[in-house]
Amino acid sequence: MNQKTLAQSLAHHFSLPHRQSRQILHFLFSQTADALTKGERATFQTFGSFRRTTRATKKVRHPKTGEILLLPAHSTVFFRPAPTLIKRFH
């Protein structure tokens, strides 16, 4: 599934114009990204939660040359699935 198929499904399910369903998805994704940028957690009760986390600087080895490289600290997004989502896989 990608954003296009999700928008089509949303439009079909709620009898919306395709353009409006794309705008709704864009709004939801941008609001989620804005919250994560501010350091807030984005929680969707039956799906899971997203939070921003910072990875520390670490040393890694280049697999071909064996050279030790320094990977700088960076921010990333961590996802934790909700228990109801996990149960759907069992």
PDB file of N, CA and C in Angstrom:
ATOM      1  N   MET A   1       0.843  -1.173   0.000  1.00  0.00           N
ATOM      2  CA  MET A   1       0.000   0.000   0.000  1.00  0.00           C
ATOM      3  C   MET A   1       0.889   1.238   0.000  1.00  0.00           C
ATOM      4  N   ASN A   2       0.504   2.202  -0.759  1.00  0.00           N
ATOM      5  CA  ASN A   2       1.208   3.481  -0.769  1.00  0.00           C
ATOM      6  C   ASN A   2       0.174   4.602  -0.603  1.00  0.00           C
ATOM      7  N   GLN A   3       0.650   5.834  -0.646  1.00  0.00           N
ATOM      8  CA  GLN A   3      -0.236   6.966  -0.398  1.00  0.00           C
ATOM      9  C   GLN A   3      -1.339   7.070  -1.451  1.00  0.00           C
ATOM     10  N   LYS A   4      -1.017   6.753  -2.677  1.00  0.00           N
ATOM     11  CA  LYS A   4      -2.013   6.841  -3.753  1.00  0.00           C
ATOM     12  C   LYS A   4      -3.140   5.833  -3.538  1.00  0.00           C
ATOM     13  N   THR A   5      -2.802   4.585  -3.235  1.00  0.00           N
ATOM     14  CA  THR A   5      -3.844   3.574  -3.037  1.00  0.00           C
ATOM     15  C   THR A   5      -4.643   3.858  -1.764  1.00  0.00           C
ATOM     16  N   LEU A   6      -3.992   4.406  -0.751  1.00  0.00           N
ATOM     17  CA  LEU A   6      -4.698   4.771   0.469  1.00  0.00           C
ATOM     18  C   LEU A   6      -5.701   5.896   0.191  1.00  0.00           C
ATOM     19  N   ALA A   7      -5.294   6.878  -0.611  1.00  0.00           N
ATOM     20  CA  ALA A   7      -6.196   7.975  -0.982  1.00  0.00           C
ATOM     21  C   ALA A   7      -7.376   7.451  -1.796  1.00  0.00           C
ATOM     22  N   GLN A   8      -7.127   6.521  -2.704  1.00  0.00           N
ATOM     23  CA  GLN A   8      -8.204   5.944  -3.501  1.00  0.00           C
ATOM     24  C   GLN A   8      -9.188   5.177  -2.618  1.00  0.00           C
ATOM     25  N   SER A   9      -8.660   4.434  -1.666  1.00  0.00           N
ATOM     26  CA  SER A   9      -9.504   3.673  -0.743  1.00  0.00           C
ATOM     27  C   SER A   9     -10.340   4.607   0.131  1.00  0.00           C
ATOM     28  N   LEU A  10      -9.716   5.673   0.611  1.00  0.00           N
ATOM     29  CA  LEU A  10     -10.408   6.670   1.422  1.00  0.00           C
ATOM     30  C   LEU A  10     -11.524   7.333   0.617  1.00  0.00           C
ATOM     31  N   ALA A  11     -11.235   7.698  -0.613  1.00  0.00           N
ATOM     32  CA  ALA A  11     -12.232   8.335  -1.478  1.00  0.00           C
ATOM     33  C   ALA A  11     -13.408   7.395  -1.742  1.00  0.00           C
ATOM     34  N   HIS A  12     -13.107   6.139  -2.010  1.00  0.00           N
ATOM     35  CA  HIS A  12     -14.160   5.160  -2.295  1.00  0.00           C
ATOM     36  C   HIS A  12     -15.020   4.903  -1.061  1.00  0.00           C
ATOM     37  N   HIS A  13     -14.378   4.697   0.083  1.00  0.00           N
ATOM     38  CA  HIS A  13     -15.099   4.344   1.314  1.00  0.00           C
ATOM     39  C   HIS A  13     -16.021   5.470   1.789  1.00  0.00           C
ATOM     40  N   PHE A  14     -15.565   6.717   1.684  1.00  0.00           N
ATOM     41  CA  PHE A  14     -16.346   7.843   2.191  1.00  0.00           C
ATOM     42  C   PHE A  14     -17.029   8.658   1.089  1.00  0.00           C
ATOM     43  N   SER A  15     -17.025   8.145  -0.133  1.00  0.00           N
ATOM     44  CA  SER A  15     -17.645   8.821  -1.288  1.00  0.00           C
ATOM     45  C   SER A  15     -17.147  10.254  -1.428  1.00  0.00           C
ATOM     46  N   LEU A  16     -15.838  10.403  -1.400  1.00  0.00           N
ATOM     47  CA  LEU A  16     -15.195  11.713  -1.547  1.00  0.00           C
ATOM     48  C   LEU A  16     -14.549  11.816  -2.911  1.00  0.00           C
ATOM     49  N   PRO A  17     -14.362  13.026  -3.394  1.00  0.00           N
ATOM     50  CA  PRO A  17     -13.552  13.194  -4.600  1.00  0.00           C
ATOM     51  C   PRO A  17     -12.108  12.791  -4.284  1.00  0.00           C
ATOM     52  N   HIS A  18     -11.442  12.218  -5.260  1.00  0.00           N
ATOM     53  CA  HIS A  18     -10.071  11.742  -5.057  1.00  0.00           C
ATOM     54  C   HIS A  18      -9.153  12.870  -4.585  1.00  0.00           C
ATOM     55  N   ARG A  19      -9.333  14.048  -5.147  1.00  0.00           N
ATOM     56  CA  ARG A  19      -8.491  15.185  -4.768  1.00  0.00           C
ATOM     57  C   ARG A  19      -8.652  15.524  -3.284  1.00  0.00           C
ATOM     58  N   GLN A  20      -9.876  15.475  -2.798  1.00  0.00           N
ATOM     59  CA  GLN A  20     -10.131  15.787  -1.392  1.00  0.00           C
ATOM     60  C   GLN A  20      -9.517  14.731  -0.471  1.00  0.00           C
ATOM     61  N   SER A  21      -9.585  13.484  -0.853  1.00  0.00           N
ATOM     62  CA  SER A  21      -8.980  12.435  -0.027  1.00  0.00           C
ATOM     63  C   SER A  21      -7.458  12.583   0.013  1.00  0.00           C
ATOM     64  N   ARG A  22      -6.841  13.006  -1.099  1.00  0.00           N
ATOM     65  CA  ARG A  22      -5.390  13.260  -1.105  1.00  0.00           C
ATOM     66  C   ARG A  22      -5.048  14.414  -0.178  1.00  0.00           C
ATOM     67  N   GLN A  23      -5.891  15.453  -0.176  1.00  0.00           N
ATOM     68  CA  GLN A  23      -5.659  16.599   0.704  1.00  0.00           C
ATOM     69  C   GLN A  23      -5.776  16.203   2.175  1.00  0.00           C
ATOM     70  N   ILE A  24      -6.724  15.350   2.492  1.00  0.00           N
ATOM     71  CA  ILE A  24      -6.886  14.877   3.870  1.00  0.00           C
ATOM     72  C   ILE A  24      -5.649  14.090   4.308  1.00  0.00           C
ATOM     73  N   LEU A  25      -5.186  13.184   3.467  1.00  0.00           N
ATOM     74  CA  LEU A  25      -3.987  12.406   3.804  1.00  0.00           C
ATOM     75  C   LEU A  25      -2.774  13.312   3.951  1.00  0.00           C
ATOM     76  N   HIS A  26      -2.631  14.265   3.042  1.00  0.00           N
ATOM     77  CA  HIS A  26      -1.501  15.195   3.130  1.00  0.00           C
ATOM     78  C   HIS A  26      -1.547  15.961   4.444  1.00  0.00           C
ATOM     79  N   PHE A  27      -2.732  16.405   4.850  1.00  0.00           N
ATOM     80  CA  PHE A  27      -2.888  17.118   6.107  1.00  0.00           C
ATOM     81  C   PHE A  27      -2.500  16.232   7.295  1.00  0.00           C
ATOM     82  N   LEU A  28      -2.984  14.996   7.316  1.00  0.00           N
ATOM     83  CA  LEU A  28      -2.666  14.084   8.414  1.00  0.00           C
ATOM     84  C   LEU A  28      -1.167  13.809   8.507  1.00  0.00           C
ATOM     85  N   PHE A  29      -0.541  13.547   7.375  1.00  0.00           N
ATOM     86  CA  PHE A  29       0.890  13.251   7.380  1.00  0.00           C
ATOM     87  C   PHE A  29       1.715  14.472   7.764  1.00  0.00           C
ATOM     88  N   SER A  30       1.311  15.656   7.289  1.00  0.00           N
ATOM     89  CA  SER A  30       2.081  16.856   7.630  1.00  0.00           C
ATOM     90  C   SER A  30       1.922  17.211   9.106  1.00  0.00           C
ATOM     91  N   GLN A  31       0.738  17.017   9.664  1.00  0.00           N
ATOM     92  CA  GLN A  31       0.540  17.265  11.089  1.00  0.00           C
ATOM     93  C   GLN A  31       1.353  16.292  11.937  1.00  0.00           C
ATOM     94  N   THR A  32       1.409  15.047  11.515  1.00  0.00           N
ATOM     95  CA  THR A  32       2.211  14.047  12.227  1.00  0.00           C
ATOM     96  C   THR A  32       3.689  14.418  12.157  1.00  0.00           C
ATOM     97  N   ALA A  33       4.164  14.799  10.978  1.00  0.00           N
ATOM     98  CA  ALA A  33       5.568  15.187  10.817  1.00  0.00           C
ATOM     99  C   ALA A  33       5.902  16.428  11.636  1.00  0.00           C
ATOM    100  N   ASP A  34       4.984  17.398  11.673  1.00  0.00           N
ATOM    101  CA  ASP A  34       5.202  18.608  12.472  1.00  0.00           C
ATOM    102  C   ASP A  34       5.321  18.272  13.952  1.00  0.00           C
ATOM    103  N   ALA A  35       4.455  17.385  14.432  1.00  0.00           N
ATOM    104  CA  ALA A  35       4.509  16.988  15.842  1.00  0.00           C
ATOM    105  C   ALA A  35       5.840  16.308  16.161  1.00  0.00           C
ATOM    106  N   LEU A  36       6.290  15.425  15.273  1.00  0.00           N
ATOM    107  CA  LEU A  36       7.562  14.732  15.495  1.00  0.00           C
ATOM    108  C   LEU A  36       8.731  15.704  15.454  1.00  0.00           C
ATOM    109  N   THR A  37       8.665  16.688  14.572  1.00  0.00           N
ATOM    110  CA  THR A  37       9.714  17.701  14.475  1.00  0.00           C
ATOM    111  C   THR A  37       9.819  18.491  15.777  1.00  0.00           C
ATOM    112  N   LYS A  38       8.684  18.749  16.421  1.00  0.00           N
ATOM    113  CA  LYS A  38       8.665  19.489  17.683  1.00  0.00           C
ATOM    114  C   LYS A  38       9.078  18.625  18.877  1.00  0.00           C
ATOM    115  N   GLY A  39       9.290  17.325  18.645  1.00  0.00           N
ATOM    116  CA  GLY A  39       9.667  16.425  19.731  1.00  0.00           C
ATOM    117  C   GLY A  39       8.480  15.778  20.414  1.00  0.00           C
ATOM    118  N   GLU A  40       7.290  15.982  19.869  1.00  0.00           N
ATOM    119  CA  GLU A  40       6.093  15.378  20.443  1.00  0.00           C
ATOM    120  C   GLU A  40       5.931  13.955  19.929  1.00  0.00           C
ATOM    121  N   ARG A  41       5.127  13.189  20.620  1.00  0.00           N
ATOM    122  CA  ARG A  41       4.811  11.827  20.204  1.00  0.00           C
ATOM    123  C   ARG A  41       3.510  11.848  19.405  1.00  0.00           C
ATOM    124  N   ALA A  42       3.437  11.066  18.353  1.00  0.00           N
ATOM    125  CA  ALA A  42       2.213  10.942  17.560  1.00  0.00           C
ATOM    126  C   ALA A  42       1.650   9.551  17.814  1.00  0.00           C
ATOM    127  N   THR A  43       0.485   9.495  18.446  1.00  0.00           N
ATOM    128  CA  THR A  43      -0.101   8.222  18.843  1.00  0.00           C
ATOM    129  C   THR A  43      -1.428   8.005  18.136  1.00  0.00           C
ATOM    130  N   PHE A  44      -1.564   6.834  17.544  1.00  0.00           N
ATOM    131  CA  PHE A  44      -2.802   6.407  16.902  1.00  0.00           C
ATOM    132  C   PHE A  44      -3.235   5.146  17.639  1.00  0.00           C
ATOM    133  N   GLN A  45      -4.295   5.251  18.424  1.00  0.00           N
ATOM    134  CA  GLN A  45      -4.651   4.287  19.445  1.00  0.00           C
ATOM    135  C   GLN A  45      -4.622   2.822  18.999  1.00  0.00           C
ATOM    136  N   THR A  46      -5.222   2.475  17.898  1.00  0.00           N
ATOM    137  CA  THR A  46      -5.259   1.066  17.503  1.00  0.00           C
ATOM    138  C   THR A  46      -4.162   0.699  16.509  1.00  0.00           C
ATOM    139  N   PHE A  47      -3.315   1.653  16.166  1.00  0.00           N
ATOM    140  CA  PHE A  47      -2.249   1.405  15.191  1.00  0.00           C
ATOM    141  C   PHE A  47      -0.875   1.385  15.847  1.00  0.00           C
ATOM    142  N   GLY A  48      -0.520   2.453  16.554  1.00  0.00           N
ATOM    143  CA  GLY A  48       0.771   2.521  17.213  1.00  0.00           C
ATOM    144  C   GLY A  48       1.187   3.952  17.443  1.00  0.00           C
ATOM    145  N   SER A  49       2.422   4.125  17.890  1.00  0.00           N
ATOM    146  CA  SER A  49       2.905   5.478  18.162  1.00  0.00           C
ATOM    147  C   SER A  49       4.270   5.695  17.521  1.00  0.00           C
ATOM    148  N   PHE A  50       4.493   6.924  17.123  1.00  0.00           N
ATOM    149  CA  PHE A  50       5.746   7.349  16.534  1.00  0.00           C
ATOM    150  C   PHE A  50       6.386   8.351  17.496  1.00  0.00           C
ATOM    151  N   ARG A  51       7.687   8.246  17.669  1.00  0.00           N
ATOM    152  CA  ARG A  51       8.379   9.254  18.467  1.00  0.00           C
ATOM    153  C   ARG A  51       9.750   9.496  17.873  1.00  0.00           C
ATOM    154  N   ARG A  52      10.222  10.699  18.078  1.00  0.00           N
ATOM    155  CA  ARG A  52      11.543  11.082  17.578  1.00  0.00           C
ATOM    156  C   ARG A  52      12.581  10.642  18.601  1.00  0.00           C
ATOM    157  N   THR A  53      13.670  10.092  18.125  1.00  0.00           N
ATOM    158  CA  THR A  53      14.748   9.668  19.000  1.00  0.00           C
ATOM    159  C   THR A  53      16.077  10.077  18.376  1.00  0.00           C
ATOM    160  N   THR A  54      17.078  10.248  19.206  1.00  0.00           N
ATOM    161  CA  THR A  54      18.399  10.640  18.725  1.00  0.00           C
ATOM    162  C   THR A  54      19.357   9.471  18.882  1.00  0.00           C
ATOM    163  N   ARG A  55      20.023   9.132  17.822  1.00  0.00           N
ATOM    164  CA  ARG A  55      21.039   8.073  17.853  1.00  0.00           C
ATOM    165  C   ARG A  55      22.392   8.714  18.140  1.00  0.00           C
ATOM    166  N   ALA A  56      23.144   8.108  19.017  1.00  0.00           N
ATOM    167  CA  ALA A  56      24.447   8.645  19.396  1.00  0.00           C
ATOM    168  C   ALA A  56      25.476   8.412  18.291  1.00  0.00           C
ATOM    169  N   THR A  57      26.555   9.168  18.356  1.00  0.00           N
ATOM    170  CA  THR A  57      27.675   8.959  17.437  1.00  0.00           C
ATOM    171  C   THR A  57      28.261   7.572  17.713  1.00  0.00           C
ATOM    172  N   LYS A  58      28.624   6.854  16.655  1.00  0.00           N
ATOM    173  CA  LYS A  58      29.215   5.539  16.871  1.00  0.00           C
ATOM    174  C   LYS A  58      30.230   5.225  15.788  1.00  0.00           C
ATOM    175  N   LYS A  59      31.102   4.303  16.116  1.00  0.00           N
ATOM    176  CA  LYS A  59      32.110   3.851  15.163  1.00  0.00           C
ATOM    177  C   LYS A  59      31.581   2.623  14.436  1.00  0.00           C
ATOM    178  N   VAL A  60      31.764   2.610  13.120  1.00  0.00           N
ATOM    179  CA  VAL A  60      31.352   1.473  12.300  1.00  0.00           C
ATOM    180  C   VAL A  60      32.525   1.066  11.411  1.00  0.00           C
ATOM    181  N   ARG A  61      32.515  -0.178  10.971  1.00  0.00           N
ATOM    182  CA  ARG A  61      33.585  -0.678  10.110  1.00  0.00           C
ATOM    183  C   ARG A  61      33.048  -0.824   8.698  1.00  0.00           C
ATOM    184  N   HIS A  62      33.797  -0.258   7.731  1.00  0.00           N
ATOM    185  CA  HIS A  62      33.435  -0.398   6.318  1.00  0.00           C
ATOM    186  C   HIS A  62      33.651  -1.860   5.946  1.00  0.00           C
ATOM    187  N   PRO A  63      32.636  -2.558   5.401  1.00  0.00           N
ATOM    188  CA  PRO A  63      32.753  -3.992   5.149  1.00  0.00           C
ATOM    189  C   PRO A  63      33.820  -4.384   4.120  1.00  0.00           C
ATOM    190  N   LYS A  64      34.074  -3.543   3.135  1.00  0.00           N
ATOM    191  CA  LYS A  64      35.064  -3.895   2.112  1.00  0.00           C
ATOM    192  C   LYS A  64      36.490  -3.567   2.533  1.00  0.00           C
ATOM    193  N   THR A  65      36.689  -2.369   3.081  1.00  0.00           N
ATOM    194  CA  THR A  65      38.045  -1.916   3.373  1.00  0.00           C
ATOM    195  C   THR A  65      38.471  -2.185   4.805  1.00  0.00           C
ATOM    196  N   GLY A  66      37.513  -2.384   5.699  1.00  0.00           N
ATOM    197  CA  GLY A  66      37.833  -2.587   7.098  1.00  0.00           C
ATOM    198  C   GLY A  66      38.133  -1.279   7.822  1.00  0.00           C
ATOM    199  N   GLU A  67      38.028  -0.169   7.117  1.00  0.00           N
ATOM    200  CA  GLU A  67      38.305   1.134   7.702  1.00  0.00           C
ATOM    201  C   GLU A  67      37.241   1.477   8.746  1.00  0.00           C
ATOM    202  N   ILE A  68      37.685   2.039   9.872  1.00  0.00           N
ATOM    203  CA  ILE A  68      36.771   2.468  10.919  1.00  0.00           C
ATOM    204  C   ILE A  68      36.276   3.879  10.580  1.00  0.00           C
ATOM    205  N   LEU A  69      34.961   4.028  10.510  1.00  0.00           N
ATOM    206  CA  LEU A  69      34.342   5.307  10.192  1.00  0.00           C
ATOM    207  C   LEU A  69      33.537   5.795  11.389  1.00  0.00           C
ATOM    208  N   LEU A  70      33.394   7.095  11.496  1.00  0.00           N
ATOM    209  CA  LEU A  70      32.603   7.683  12.563  1.00  0.00           C
ATOM    210  C   LEU A  70      31.248   8.092  11.997  1.00  0.00           C
ATOM    211  N   LEU A  71      30.212   7.464  12.492  1.00  0.00           N
ATOM    212  CA  LEU A  71      28.845   7.784  12.068  1.00  0.00           C
ATOM    213  C   LEU A  71      28.325   8.868  13.007  1.00  0.00           C
ATOM    214  N   PRO A  72      28.008  10.059  12.506  1.00  0.00           N
ATOM    215  CA  PRO A  72      27.599  11.159  13.392  1.00  0.00           C
ATOM    216  C   PRO A  72      26.240  10.912  14.054  1.00  0.00           C
ATOM    217  N   ALA A  73      26.015  11.608  15.152  1.00  0.00           N
ATOM    218  CA  ALA A  73      24.720  11.537  15.834  1.00  0.00           C
ATOM    219  C   ALA A  73      23.644  12.079  14.897  1.00  0.00           C
ATOM    220  N   HIS A  74      22.468  11.484  14.958  1.00  0.00           N
ATOM    221  CA  HIS A  74      21.378  11.926  14.096  1.00  0.00           C
ATOM    222  C   HIS A  74      20.033  11.578  14.731  1.00  0.00           C
ATOM    223  N   SER A  75      19.006  12.282  14.283  1.00  0.00           N
ATOM    224  CA  SER A  75      17.646  12.022  14.751  1.00  0.00           C
ATOM    225  C   SER A  75      16.960  11.067  13.792  1.00  0.00           C
ATOM    226  N   THR A  76      16.088  10.250  14.340  1.00  0.00           N
ATOM    227  CA  THR A  76      15.317   9.322  13.537  1.00  0.00           C
ATOM    228  C   THR A  76      13.952   9.135  14.187  1.00  0.00           C
ATOM    229  N   VAL A  77      13.073   8.401  13.555  1.00  0.00           N
ATOM    230  CA  VAL A  77      11.740   8.158  14.084  1.00  0.00           C
ATOM    231  C   VAL A  77      11.633   6.694  14.495  1.00  0.00           C
ATOM    232  N   PHE A  78      11.115   6.474  15.688  1.00  0.00           N
ATOM    233  CA  PHE A  78      10.919   5.135  16.225  1.00  0.00           C
ATOM    234  C   PHE A  78       9.418   4.850  16.224  1.00  0.00           C
ATOM    235  N   PHE A  79       9.024   3.661  15.782  1.00  0.00           N
ATOM    236  CA  PHE A  79       7.619   3.270  15.757  1.00  0.00           C
ATOM    237  C   PHE A  79       7.417   2.098  16.704  1.00  0.00           C
ATOM    238  N   ARG A  80       6.398   2.222  17.544  1.00  0.00           N
ATOM    239  CA  ARG A  80       6.018   1.117  18.424  1.00  0.00           C
ATOM    240  C   ARG A  80       4.579   0.737  18.090  1.00  0.00           C
ATOM    241  N   PRO A  81       4.358  -0.493  17.603  1.00  0.00           N
ATOM    242  CA  PRO A  81       3.001  -0.904  17.238  1.00  0.00           C
ATOM    243  C   PRO A  81       2.115  -1.068  18.474  1.00  0.00           C
ATOM    244  N   ALA A  82       0.838  -0.789  18.316  1.00  0.00           N
ATOM    245  CA  ALA A  82      -0.136  -0.969  19.393  1.00  0.00           C
ATOM    246  C   ALA A  82      -0.413  -2.458  19.578  1.00  0.00           C
ATOM    247  N   PRO A  83      -0.778  -2.874  20.783  1.00  0.00           N
ATOM    248  CA  PRO A  83      -1.091  -4.287  21.027  1.00  0.00           C
ATOM    249  C   PRO A  83      -2.172  -4.831  20.095  1.00  0.00           C
ATOM    250  N   THR A  84      -3.174  -3.998  19.750  1.00  0.00           N
ATOM    251  CA  THR A  84      -4.224  -4.467  18.843  1.00  0.00           C
ATOM    252  C   THR A  84      -3.674  -4.746  17.446  1.00  0.00           C
ATOM    253  N   LEU A  85      -2.691  -3.982  17.016  1.00  0.00           N
ATOM    254  CA  LEU A  85      -2.069  -4.233  15.713  1.00  0.00           C
ATOM    255  C   LEU A  85      -1.239  -5.520  15.764  1.00  0.00           C
ATOM    256  N   ILE A  86      -0.530  -5.732  16.839  1.00  0.00           N
ATOM    257  CA  ILE A  86       0.283  -6.941  16.990  1.00  0.00           C
ATOM    258  C   ILE A  86      -0.602  -8.195  16.985  1.00  0.00           C
ATOM    259  N   LYS A  87      -1.758  -8.114  17.649  1.00  0.00           N
ATOM    260  CA  LYS A  87      -2.672  -9.262  17.713  1.00  0.00           C
ATOM    261  C   LYS A  87      -3.187  -9.667  16.336  1.00  0.00           C
ATOM    262  N   ARG A  88      -3.265  -8.716  15.409  1.00  0.00           N
ATOM    263  CA  ARG A  88      -3.773  -9.042  14.064  1.00  0.00           C
ATOM    264  C   ARG A  88      -2.828  -9.970  13.302  1.00  0.00           C
ATOM    265  N   PHE A  89      -1.593 -10.066  13.732  1.00  0.00           N
ATOM    266  CA  PHE A  89      -0.610 -10.914  13.042  1.00  0.00           C
ATOM    267  C   PHE A  89      -0.554 -12.323  13.625  1.00  0.00           C
ATOM    268  N   HIS A  90      -1.244 -12.556  14.715  1.00  0.00           N
ATOM    269  CA  HIS A  90      -1.199 -13.876  15.359  1.00  0.00           C
ATOM    270  C   HIS A  90      -2.452 -14.652  15.111  1.00  0.00           C
TER     271      HIS A  90
END
